């Protein structure tokens, strides 16, 4: 079982790339943050709870998705993942550095992470994506640093159409 991480800031085409991979027959795990934001909006709440609560919800969902993903033989592609939720848990004070390091050491993700770069021409706001493009650039830089710190090799996915991006990731 190969768990593959696809990451990047908001609005860079992760979901579109993952839909393409899914259409090609590969299992895909959806991003938990968008799910939480969507559910909160449907209940008439603010999009995001306070950082500690948001981190706790993300970690719980991402841990469940990680555990369930180990059942098949095909590579599974994650739209962001538990590695990032743990960073948020650390930043919010929910988890200690030691807890984060120990948890990451137990995870079994493919050591190469595919990151999609900021791409102003495709960036769009939607109900769950309410940040500026500049925020996307900041998130991109932070993700790059975080994954390298966690021992992953970060590979940038070129700006291209969804099929070309999917083929790049697969090769």
Protein backbone atom coordinates (compact mmCIF):
# COMPACT_ATOMS: atom_id res chain seq x y z
CA UNK A 1 0.00 0.00 0.00
CA UNK A 2 1.41 3.32 -1.06
CA UNK A 3 -0.02 6.49 0.50
CA UNK A 4 0.90 9.49 -1.65
CA UNK A 5 0.54 13.11 -0.49
CA UNK A 6 -0.57 15.87 -2.84
CA UNK A 7 -0.35 19.27 -1.21
CA UNK A 8 -0.15 22.99 -1.81
CA UNK A 9 -1.83 26.18 -0.78
CA UNK A 10 -5.49 26.89 -1.42
CA UNK A 11 -6.63 27.23 -5.02
CA UNK A 12 -3.61 25.67 -6.76
CA UNK A 13 -5.50 22.81 -8.44
CA UNK A 14 -5.07 19.98 -5.91
CA UNK A 15 -8.70 18.91 -6.02
CA UNK A 16 -8.80 19.10 -9.82
CA UNK A 17 -5.63 16.98 -10.04
CA UNK A 18 -7.06 14.46 -7.61
CA UNK A 19 -10.33 14.28 -9.56
CA UNK A 20 -8.23 13.45 -12.62
CA UNK A 21 -6.39 10.71 -10.72
CA UNK A 22 -9.72 9.36 -9.51
CA UNK A 23 -11.06 9.34 -13.08
CA UNK A 24 -7.96 7.30 -14.01
CA UNK A 25 -9.02 4.70 -11.41
CA UNK A 26 -6.90 5.66 -8.40
CA UNK A 27 -8.38 5.99 -4.91
CA UNK A 28 -8.37 9.55 -3.55
CA UNK A 29 -8.78 10.82 0.02
CA UNK A 30 -10.50 14.22 0.23
CA UNK A 31 -9.18 17.14 2.26
CA UNK A 32 -10.68 17.29 5.76
CA UNK A 33 -10.47 21.07 6.19
CA UNK A 34 -12.90 21.74 3.33
CA UNK A 35 -15.30 19.15 4.77
CA UNK A 36 -15.25 20.81 8.20
CA UNK A 37 -15.72 24.30 6.75
CA UNK A 38 -18.62 23.12 4.56
CA UNK A 39 -20.33 21.36 7.48
CA UNK A 40 -19.93 24.40 9.75
CA UNK A 41 -21.42 26.73 7.12
CA UNK A 42 -24.39 24.38 6.70
CA UNK A 43 -24.99 24.63 10.46
CA UNK A 44 -24.81 28.45 10.29
CA UNK A 45 -21.49 28.61 12.15
CA UNK A 46 -18.34 30.52 11.34
CA UNK A 47 -16.26 28.67 8.72
CA UNK A 48 -13.47 27.71 11.11
CA UNK A 49 -13.51 27.08 14.84
CA UNK A 50 -10.71 28.46 16.97
CA UNK A 51 -7.31 27.01 15.94
CA UNK A 52 -7.02 24.39 18.69
CA UNK A 53 -10.48 22.97 18.05
CA UNK A 54 -9.93 23.09 14.28
CA UNK A 55 -6.64 21.22 14.68
CA UNK A 56 -8.31 18.61 16.91
CA UNK A 57 -11.07 18.01 14.35
CA UNK A 58 -8.57 17.81 11.49
CA UNK A 59 -6.31 15.39 13.33
CA UNK A 60 -9.21 13.12 14.23
CA UNK A 61 -10.57 12.98 10.68
CA UNK A 62 -7.17 12.69 9.05
CA UNK A 63 -6.14 9.89 11.42
CA UNK A 64 -9.31 7.96 10.54
CA UNK A 65 -8.72 8.49 6.82
CA UNK A 66 -5.10 7.38 7.17
CA UNK A 67 -6.09 4.20 9.01
CA UNK A 68 -8.84 3.32 6.51
CA UNK A 69 -6.55 3.94 3.54
CA UNK A 70 -4.32 0.99 4.38
CA UNK A 71 -6.79 -1.59 3.16
CA UNK A 72 -6.17 -1.71 -0.62
CA UNK A 73 -3.38 -2.69 -2.98
CA UNK A 74 -3.48 0.41 -5.20
CA UNK A 75 -1.67 3.68 -4.43
CA UNK A 76 -3.94 6.09 -2.56
CA UNK A 77 -3.63 9.83 -3.15
CA UNK A 78 -4.28 12.22 -0.26
CA UNK A 79 -5.51 15.80 -0.71
CA UNK A 80 -3.36 17.09 2.14
CA UNK A 81 -3.15 14.77 5.16
CA UNK A 82 -2.39 13.99 8.80
CA UNK A 83 1.20 15.29 8.49
CA UNK A 84 -0.21 18.80 7.95
CA UNK A 85 -2.89 18.45 10.62
CA UNK A 86 -0.17 17.55 13.11
CA UNK A 87 1.65 20.78 12.22
CA UNK A 88 -1.52 22.70 13.01
CA UNK A 89 -1.86 20.78 16.27
CA UNK A 90 1.66 21.81 17.21
CA UNK A 91 1.18 25.44 16.18
CA UNK A 92 -2.07 25.74 18.15
CA UNK A 93 -0.56 24.26 21.30
CA UNK A 94 -2.78 21.17 21.14
CA UNK A 95 0.23 18.86 20.70
CA UNK A 96 3.78 19.03 21.96
CA UNK A 97 6.76 18.82 19.63
CA UNK A 98 7.49 15.35 21.01
CA UNK A 99 3.95 14.12 20.27
CA UNK A 100 4.15 15.42 16.70
CA UNK A 101 7.58 13.90 16.05
CA UNK A 102 6.53 10.53 17.50
CA UNK A 103 3.32 10.43 15.45
CA UNK A 104 5.04 11.40 12.20
CA UNK A 105 7.65 8.69 12.78
CA UNK A 106 4.86 6.08 12.85
CA UNK A 107 3.22 7.24 9.61
CA UNK A 108 3.79 5.36 6.40
CA UNK A 109 3.53 7.84 3.53
CA UNK A 110 5.52 7.77 0.30
CA UNK A 111 8.66 9.82 1.00
CA UNK A 112 8.15 12.07 -2.01
CA UNK A 113 5.43 14.69 -1.55
CA UNK A 114 3.89 16.36 -4.60
CA UNK A 115 3.34 20.09 -4.09
CA UNK A 116 1.40 22.28 -6.48
CA UNK A 117 2.80 25.82 -6.71
CA UNK A 118 0.75 29.01 -6.42
CA UNK A 119 -0.83 29.78 -9.79
CA UNK A 120 -2.58 33.14 -9.94
CA UNK A 121 -4.33 32.42 -13.26
CA UNK A 122 -6.37 29.55 -11.80
CA UNK A 123 -6.86 30.89 -8.26
CA UNK A 124 -10.56 31.35 -7.40
CA UNK A 125 -12.49 32.04 -4.22
CA UNK A 126 -15.32 29.69 -3.27
CA UNK A 127 -17.43 28.86 -0.22
CA UNK A 128 -14.56 27.07 1.55
CA UNK A 129 -11.65 29.06 0.07
CA UNK A 130 -11.84 32.57 1.46
CA UNK A 131 -8.14 33.51 1.61
CA UNK A 132 -6.14 35.87 -0.58
CA UNK A 133 -3.69 34.70 -3.22
CA UNK A 134 -0.89 36.08 -1.03
CA UNK A 135 -2.05 33.73 1.73
CA UNK A 136 -1.76 30.86 -0.78
CA UNK A 137 1.88 31.82 -1.40
CA UNK A 138 2.60 31.92 2.33
CA UNK A 139 0.98 28.50 2.83
CA UNK A 140 3.02 27.08 -0.05
CA UNK A 141 6.29 28.22 1.52
CA UNK A 142 5.29 26.88 4.93
CA UNK A 143 4.29 23.50 3.52
CA UNK A 144 7.59 23.21 1.67
CA UNK A 145 9.54 23.87 4.87
CA UNK A 146 7.35 21.59 7.00
CA UNK A 147 7.64 18.55 4.76
CA UNK A 148 11.41 18.97 4.43
CA UNK A 149 11.64 19.27 8.22
CA UNK A 150 9.66 16.02 8.50
CA UNK A 151 12.13 14.22 6.22
CA UNK A 152 10.15 14.21 2.98
CA UNK A 153 11.42 15.11 -0.47
CA UNK A 154 9.17 17.80 -1.93
CA UNK A 155 8.59 17.63 -5.69
CA UNK A 156 6.88 20.51 -7.45
CA UNK A 157 4.14 19.59 -9.91
CA UNK A 158 4.40 21.77 -13.03
CA UNK A 159 1.67 24.19 -14.04
CA UNK A 160 -0.17 22.26 -16.76
CA UNK A 161 -3.60 20.87 -17.55
CA UNK A 162 -5.03 18.32 -15.09
CA UNK A 163 -4.19 15.26 -17.23
CA UNK A 164 -0.57 16.36 -17.65
CA UNK A 165 -0.29 17.01 -13.93
CA UNK A 166 -1.72 13.57 -13.14
CA UNK A 167 0.69 11.90 -15.54
CA UNK A 168 3.58 13.81 -13.99
CA UNK A 169 2.65 12.54 -10.54
CA UNK A 170 2.23 8.97 -11.78
CA UNK A 171 5.63 8.97 -13.48
